[in-house]
């Protein structure tokens, strides 16, 4: 058990969650930008298609980032309590609700 009481956040959980979340954001965002840019340039579409497809591509990037943040926080809580990691739930709100 940790020595933190009340509403204090253990720094290890925060650092691990922020690191996983930033990695998910950067990796997913980079992948979407690279794929969209390559498709638009290979087909020869105008730039407004590039920006439109990037806006559409932001939706799965945001979903993956928010889900990763929730999952990382959940897993860190389980590990702090001495528990084992459970099977992931691939729903956006699965880790955002209070338990």
C-alpha atoms as a PDB file:
ATOM      1  CA  UNK A   1       0.000   0.000   0.000  1.00  0.00           C
ATOM      2  CA  UNK A   2       1.210   3.506  -0.596  1.00  0.00           C
ATOM      3  CA  UNK A   3       1.810   6.104   2.047  1.00  0.00           C
ATOM      4  CA  UNK A   4      -0.433   8.710   0.437  1.00  0.00           C
ATOM      5  CA  UNK A   5      -3.708   9.473   2.129  1.00  0.00           C
ATOM      6  CA  UNK A   6      -6.939  11.044   1.024  1.00  0.00           C
ATOM      7  CA  UNK A   7      -6.929  12.687  -2.378  1.00  0.00           C
ATOM      8  CA  UNK A   8      -3.176  12.836  -2.886  1.00  0.00           C
ATOM      9  CA  UNK A   9      -2.024  11.340  -6.190  1.00  0.00           C
ATOM     10  CA  UNK A  10       0.949   8.996  -6.167  1.00  0.00           C
ATOM     11  CA  UNK A  11       3.546  10.487  -8.474  1.00  0.00           C
ATOM     12  CA  UNK A  12       4.408   7.130 -10.039  1.00  0.00           C
ATOM     13  CA  UNK A  13       0.840   6.591 -11.250  1.00  0.00           C
ATOM     14  CA  UNK A  14       0.680  10.097 -12.686  1.00  0.00           C
ATOM     15  CA  UNK A  15       4.021   9.787 -14.497  1.00  0.00           C
ATOM     16  CA  UNK A  16       3.175   6.357 -15.943  1.00  0.00           C
ATOM     17  CA  UNK A  17      -0.253   7.510 -17.109  1.00  0.00           C
ATOM     18  CA  UNK A  18       1.001  10.730 -18.659  1.00  0.00           C
ATOM     19  CA  UNK A  19       3.822   8.864 -20.414  1.00  0.00           C
ATOM     20  CA  UNK A  20       1.504   6.233 -21.897  1.00  0.00           C
ATOM     21  CA  UNK A  21      -1.019   8.878 -22.923  1.00  0.00           C
ATOM     22  CA  UNK A  22       1.555  11.079 -24.639  1.00  0.00           C
ATOM     23  CA  UNK A  23       3.011   8.086 -26.445  1.00  0.00           C
ATOM     24  CA  UNK A  24      -0.450   7.072 -27.697  1.00  0.00           C
ATOM     25  CA  UNK A  25      -1.158  10.623 -28.856  1.00  0.00           C
ATOM     26  CA  UNK A  26       2.132  11.024 -30.704  1.00  0.00           C
ATOM     27  CA  UNK A  27       2.153   7.568 -32.297  1.00  0.00           C
ATOM     28  CA  UNK A  28      -1.491   7.647 -33.419  1.00  0.00           C
ATOM     29  CA  UNK A  29      -1.282  11.263 -34.561  1.00  0.00           C
ATOM     30  CA  UNK A  30       1.890  10.670 -36.546  1.00  0.00           C
ATOM     31  CA  UNK A  31       0.399   7.603 -38.200  1.00  0.00           C
ATOM     32  CA  UNK A  32      -2.764   9.438 -39.247  1.00  0.00           C
ATOM     33  CA  UNK A  33      -0.841  12.428 -40.590  1.00  0.00           C
ATOM     34  CA  UNK A  34       1.560  10.224 -42.574  1.00  0.00           C
ATOM     35  CA  UNK A  35      -1.184   8.083 -44.112  1.00  0.00           C
ATOM     36  CA  UNK A  36      -3.449  11.019 -44.964  1.00  0.00           C
ATOM     37  CA  UNK A  37      -0.612  13.062 -46.434  1.00  0.00           C
ATOM     38  CA  UNK A  38       0.618  10.127 -48.526  1.00  0.00           C
ATOM     39  CA  UNK A  39      -2.841   9.315 -49.893  1.00  0.00           C
ATOM     40  CA  UNK A  40      -3.617  12.921 -50.773  1.00  0.00           C
ATOM     41  CA  UNK A  41      -0.243  13.448 -52.457  1.00  0.00           C
ATOM     42  CA  UNK A  42      -0.289  10.114 -54.341  1.00  0.00           C
ATOM     43  CA  UNK A  43      -3.774  10.704 -55.713  1.00  0.00           C
ATOM     44  CA  UNK A  44      -3.070  14.383 -56.353  1.00  0.00           C
ATOM     45  CA  UNK A  45      -5.993  15.823 -54.425  1.00  0.00           C
ATOM     46  CA  UNK A  46      -6.139  19.511 -53.480  1.00  0.00           C
ATOM     47  CA  UNK A  47      -5.000  20.665 -50.043  1.00  0.00           C
ATOM     48  CA  UNK A  48      -8.529  21.125 -48.677  1.00  0.00           C
ATOM     49  CA  UNK A  49      -8.935  17.330 -48.895  1.00  0.00           C
ATOM     50  CA  UNK A  50      -5.773  17.004 -46.827  1.00  0.00           C
ATOM     51  CA  UNK A  51      -7.165  19.206 -44.053  1.00  0.00           C
ATOM     52  CA  UNK A  52     -10.589  17.577 -44.186  1.00  0.00           C
ATOM     53  CA  UNK A  53      -9.153  14.069 -43.920  1.00  0.00           C
ATOM     54  CA  UNK A  54      -6.855  15.154 -41.105  1.00  0.00           C
ATOM     55  CA  UNK A  55      -9.861  16.522 -39.218  1.00  0.00           C
ATOM     56  CA  UNK A  56     -11.611  13.171 -39.699  1.00  0.00           C
ATOM     57  CA  UNK A  57      -8.436  11.360 -38.661  1.00  0.00           C
ATOM     58  CA  UNK A  58      -8.361  13.337 -35.420  1.00  0.00           C
ATOM     59  CA  UNK A  59     -11.417  11.422 -34.188  1.00  0.00           C
ATOM     60  CA  UNK A  60      -9.713   8.012 -33.817  1.00  0.00           C
ATOM     61  CA  UNK A  61      -6.560   9.685 -32.485  1.00  0.00           C
ATOM     62  CA  UNK A  62      -8.521  11.420 -29.734  1.00  0.00           C
ATOM     63  CA  UNK A  63     -10.416   8.185 -28.967  1.00  0.00           C
ATOM     64  CA  UNK A  64      -7.191   6.188 -28.696  1.00  0.00           C
ATOM     65  CA  UNK A  65      -5.570   8.845 -26.523  1.00  0.00           C
ATOM     66  CA  UNK A  66      -8.468   9.137 -24.081  1.00  0.00           C
ATOM     67  CA  UNK A  67      -8.854   5.349 -23.897  1.00  0.00           C
ATOM     68  CA  UNK A  68      -5.128   4.889 -23.282  1.00  0.00           C
ATOM     69  CA  UNK A  69      -5.195   7.465 -20.484  1.00  0.00           C
ATOM     70  CA  UNK A  70      -8.097   5.717 -18.790  1.00  0.00           C
ATOM     71  CA  UNK A  71      -6.597   2.254 -19.239  1.00  0.00           C
ATOM     72  CA  UNK A  72      -3.176   3.338 -17.953  1.00  0.00           C
ATOM     73  CA  UNK A  73      -4.744   4.954 -14.873  1.00  0.00           C
ATOM     74  CA  UNK A  74      -6.830   1.819 -14.236  1.00  0.00           C
ATOM     75  CA  UNK A  75      -3.851  -0.521 -14.588  1.00  0.00           C
ATOM     76  CA  UNK A  76      -1.700   1.619 -12.308  1.00  0.00           C
ATOM     77  CA  UNK A  77      -4.452   1.542  -9.665  1.00  0.00           C
ATOM     78  CA  UNK A  78      -4.634  -2.248  -9.919  1.00  0.00           C
ATOM     79  CA  UNK A  79      -0.875  -2.591  -9.577  1.00  0.00           C
ATOM     80  CA  UNK A  80      -0.760  -0.255  -6.567  1.00  0.00           C
ATOM     81  CA  UNK A  81      -3.344  -2.410  -4.811  1.00  0.00           C
ATOM     82  CA  UNK A  82      -1.256  -5.499  -5.519  1.00  0.00           C
ATOM     83  CA  UNK A  83      -3.741  -6.814  -8.045  1.00  0.00           C
ATOM     84  CA  UNK A  84      -3.189  -8.364 -11.434  1.00  0.00           C
ATOM     85  CA  UNK A  85      -3.917  -6.711 -14.768  1.00  0.00           C
ATOM     86  CA  UNK A  86      -7.377  -7.498 -16.136  1.00  0.00           C
ATOM     87  CA  UNK A  87      -8.586  -7.848 -19.719  1.00  0.00           C
ATOM     88  CA  UNK A  88      -9.009  -4.475 -21.441  1.00  0.00           C
ATOM     89  CA  UNK A  89     -12.458  -3.148 -22.315  1.00  0.00           C
ATOM     90  CA  UNK A  90     -12.437  -1.366 -25.648  1.00  0.00           C
ATOM     91  CA  UNK A  91     -15.194   1.133 -24.835  1.00  0.00           C
ATOM     92  CA  UNK A  92     -14.419   4.807 -24.434  1.00  0.00           C
ATOM     93  CA  UNK A  93     -16.300   5.207 -21.156  1.00  0.00           C
ATOM     94  CA  UNK A  94     -15.102   1.942 -19.612  1.00  0.00           C
ATOM     95  CA  UNK A  95     -12.355   3.606 -17.571  1.00  0.00           C
ATOM     96  CA  UNK A  96     -13.853   7.069 -17.168  1.00  0.00           C
ATOM     97  CA  UNK A  97     -16.645   6.166 -14.754  1.00  0.00           C
ATOM     98  CA  UNK A  98     -16.088   6.011 -11.003  1.00  0.00           C
ATOM     99  CA  UNK A  99     -15.808   2.574  -9.413  1.00  0.00           C
END
